[in-house]
């Protein structure tokens, strides 16, 4: 009798862990970050990303939003980040743009224990993206390395477009602090 109760409890716990581990948070299907050296990001170093949901089956009609995330320390007072963004796929479709991203702490300063003075700024690069084979996004700094000191990580977030949750997703990501 004891063994069957233990078996049932173990089965329920295992099933719960599997369900929790496979859920999607805020429609984010992929994210990846690259570290930036403490001396700054040299414009010669182009950072490639290959956004593709790894553990899912994609419907060809699904559309995605691509978000840029920058984690930085306010202690070094980084300047606005000037970036070149280049998107392409195996079929030769290309799209390039330049942006200026202001890196400033949120209006509400975090309080309490554990404040490490690390902030994150998130901005939307593109929306309505269909995923195609060989999709690649390259980020290149257009700033001198001295102006990028204090940037710790730069990354991309791929989220499934969902018009009803779009605004709350962006707000949640933008308000996220480490």
Protein backbone atom coordinates (compact mmCIF):
# COMPACT_ATOMS: atom_id res chain seq x y z
CA UNK A 1 0.00 0.00 0.00
CA UNK A 2 2.79 2.42 0.92
CA UNK A 3 4.62 1.70 -2.30
CA UNK A 4 1.58 2.47 -4.44
CA UNK A 5 1.00 5.80 -2.63
CA UNK A 6 4.66 6.73 -3.12
CA UNK A 7 4.45 5.75 -6.77
CA UNK A 8 1.33 7.88 -7.28
CA UNK A 9 2.91 10.89 -5.52
CA UNK A 10 6.10 10.48 -7.56
CA UNK A 11 4.06 10.28 -10.78
CA UNK A 12 2.09 13.43 -9.90
CA UNK A 13 5.28 15.33 -8.98
CA UNK A 14 6.98 14.26 -12.23
CA UNK A 15 3.97 15.22 -14.34
CA UNK A 16 3.80 18.62 -12.61
CA UNK A 17 7.48 19.31 -13.29
CA UNK A 18 7.10 18.39 -16.96
CA UNK A 19 4.10 20.69 -17.38
CA UNK A 20 5.81 23.59 -15.63
CA UNK A 21 9.05 23.15 -17.60
CA UNK A 22 7.34 23.26 -20.99
CA UNK A 23 5.23 26.38 -20.65
CA UNK A 24 5.87 29.59 -22.55
CA UNK A 25 6.24 32.83 -20.58
CA UNK A 26 4.85 35.98 -22.20
CA UNK A 27 4.91 34.34 -25.65
CA UNK A 28 8.74 34.36 -25.66
CA UNK A 29 9.90 31.45 -27.81
CA UNK A 30 13.62 32.23 -27.98
CA UNK A 31 16.20 34.54 -26.40
CA UNK A 32 19.97 34.73 -26.51
CA UNK A 33 22.54 37.16 -25.09
CA UNK A 34 26.17 37.93 -25.91
CA UNK A 35 28.58 39.40 -23.38
CA UNK A 36 30.25 42.72 -24.11
CA UNK A 37 33.86 43.16 -22.89
CA UNK A 38 34.38 45.64 -20.01
CA UNK A 39 36.55 47.83 -22.26
CA UNK A 40 33.60 48.35 -24.64
CA UNK A 41 32.20 46.96 -27.87
CA UNK A 42 34.53 47.38 -30.84
CA UNK A 43 32.56 48.15 -34.06
CA UNK A 44 34.68 45.54 -35.88
CA UNK A 45 33.02 42.80 -33.78
CA UNK A 46 29.68 42.00 -35.40
CA UNK A 47 27.49 39.79 -33.21
CA UNK A 48 25.37 37.23 -35.11
CA UNK A 49 22.18 35.71 -33.72
CA UNK A 50 20.11 32.90 -35.21
CA UNK A 51 16.62 33.34 -33.70
CA UNK A 52 14.66 30.14 -34.00
CA UNK A 53 12.39 28.46 -31.45
CA UNK A 54 14.37 25.36 -30.55
CA UNK A 55 11.86 23.07 -28.89
CA UNK A 56 8.69 23.77 -30.79
CA UNK A 57 6.91 23.12 -34.05
CA UNK A 58 6.42 26.32 -36.03
CA UNK A 59 3.37 26.96 -38.10
CA UNK A 60 4.32 28.78 -41.35
CA UNK A 61 1.56 31.30 -40.66
CA UNK A 62 2.97 32.25 -37.22
CA UNK A 63 4.40 35.75 -36.96
CA UNK A 64 6.97 36.94 -34.45
CA UNK A 65 8.29 40.13 -32.89
CA UNK A 66 12.01 40.69 -32.52
CA UNK A 67 13.11 42.64 -29.44
CA UNK A 68 16.53 44.06 -28.61
CA UNK A 69 17.60 43.82 -24.98
CA UNK A 70 20.59 45.63 -23.48
CA UNK A 71 21.78 45.01 -19.92
CA UNK A 72 24.00 47.73 -18.52
CA UNK A 73 25.48 49.14 -15.34
CA UNK A 74 24.52 52.68 -14.52
CA UNK A 75 27.78 53.06 -12.56
CA UNK A 76 29.68 53.65 -15.81
CA UNK A 77 27.04 56.00 -17.29
CA UNK A 78 26.90 54.56 -20.84
CA UNK A 79 26.18 56.89 -23.76
CA UNK A 80 23.32 56.26 -26.20
CA UNK A 81 24.00 53.10 -28.18
CA UNK A 82 24.17 53.47 -31.97
CA UNK A 83 23.53 50.15 -33.71
CA UNK A 84 23.33 48.72 -37.20
CA UNK A 85 20.91 45.81 -37.48
CA UNK A 86 21.00 43.48 -40.46
CA UNK A 87 18.43 40.68 -40.97
CA UNK A 88 18.63 38.06 -43.70
CA UNK A 89 17.64 34.50 -44.57
CA UNK A 90 18.78 31.74 -46.96
CA UNK A 91 16.40 32.92 -49.69
CA UNK A 92 18.20 36.26 -49.94
CA UNK A 93 15.61 38.39 -48.16
CA UNK A 94 17.42 41.22 -46.39
CA UNK A 95 16.48 44.12 -44.17
CA UNK A 96 18.86 46.62 -42.58
CA UNK A 97 18.32 49.50 -40.21
CA UNK A 98 20.15 51.72 -37.77
CA UNK A 99 18.85 52.71 -34.36
CA UNK A 100 19.86 54.82 -31.40
CA UNK A 101 18.99 53.29 -28.04
CA UNK A 102 19.13 55.52 -24.97
CA UNK A 103 20.41 53.64 -21.94
CA UNK A 104 18.96 55.13 -18.80
CA UNK A 105 17.69 53.66 -15.54
CA UNK A 106 13.95 53.33 -15.06
CA UNK A 107 12.10 56.22 -13.48
CA UNK A 108 11.34 54.11 -10.43
CA UNK A 109 14.61 53.38 -8.65
CA UNK A 110 14.74 49.90 -7.12
CA UNK A 111 14.84 49.81 -3.36
CA UNK A 112 15.63 47.15 -0.78
CA UNK A 113 18.29 44.50 -0.51
CA UNK A 114 20.03 43.13 -3.58
CA UNK A 115 20.16 46.25 -5.74
CA UNK A 116 23.13 45.64 -8.06
CA UNK A 117 22.65 48.71 -10.23
CA UNK A 118 22.16 46.59 -13.35
CA UNK A 119 19.37 47.68 -15.65
CA UNK A 120 17.82 46.40 -18.84
CA UNK A 121 16.42 48.37 -21.75
CA UNK A 122 14.23 46.60 -24.29
CA UNK A 123 13.13 47.96 -27.65
CA UNK A 124 11.24 46.44 -30.56
CA UNK A 125 13.29 45.92 -33.71
CA UNK A 126 10.66 44.35 -35.95
CA UNK A 127 7.16 42.85 -35.83
CA UNK A 128 5.20 40.46 -38.02
CA UNK A 129 8.27 38.41 -38.91
CA UNK A 130 7.71 35.03 -40.56
CA UNK A 131 10.49 32.60 -39.70
CA UNK A 132 12.34 31.30 -42.72
CA UNK A 133 15.25 28.90 -43.08
CA UNK A 134 18.63 30.42 -42.27
CA UNK A 135 17.18 33.51 -40.54
CA UNK A 136 20.06 35.52 -39.07
CA UNK A 137 20.25 38.88 -37.30
CA UNK A 138 23.59 40.68 -37.00
CA UNK A 139 24.20 43.52 -34.55
CA UNK A 140 27.06 45.96 -35.01
CA UNK A 141 27.97 48.84 -32.76
CA UNK A 142 28.37 52.18 -34.53
CA UNK A 143 29.73 53.78 -31.35
CA UNK A 144 33.35 54.06 -30.28
CA UNK A 145 34.26 51.44 -27.65
CA UNK A 146 34.61 54.09 -24.92
CA UNK A 147 30.92 54.98 -25.32
CA UNK A 148 29.82 51.37 -24.83
CA UNK A 149 31.63 50.78 -21.54
CA UNK A 150 29.17 49.63 -18.94
CA UNK A 151 27.13 47.54 -21.37
CA UNK A 152 27.30 44.04 -19.98
CA UNK A 153 25.13 42.00 -22.37
CA UNK A 154 23.21 42.54 -25.57
CA UNK A 155 20.61 40.13 -26.77
CA UNK A 156 17.60 39.39 -28.89
CA UNK A 157 14.20 38.10 -27.82
CA UNK A 158 11.83 36.41 -30.24
CA UNK A 159 8.20 36.39 -29.15
CA UNK A 160 5.12 35.10 -30.88
CA UNK A 161 2.93 37.95 -32.11
CA UNK A 162 -0.36 38.03 -30.32
CA UNK A 163 -2.26 41.29 -30.72
CA UNK A 164 -4.20 40.99 -27.48
CA UNK A 165 -1.07 40.43 -25.34
CA UNK A 166 1.30 42.65 -27.33
CA UNK A 167 1.18 45.73 -25.12
CA UNK A 168 1.43 43.83 -21.85
CA UNK A 169 4.35 41.75 -23.16
CA UNK A 170 6.38 44.82 -24.07
CA UNK A 171 5.56 46.52 -20.76
CA UNK A 172 6.51 43.44 -18.76
CA UNK A 173 9.83 43.06 -20.55
CA UNK A 174 10.64 46.77 -20.31
CA UNK A 175 9.85 46.80 -16.59
CA UNK A 176 11.92 43.71 -15.91
CA UNK A 177 14.95 44.47 -13.72
CA UNK A 178 17.76 42.21 -12.66
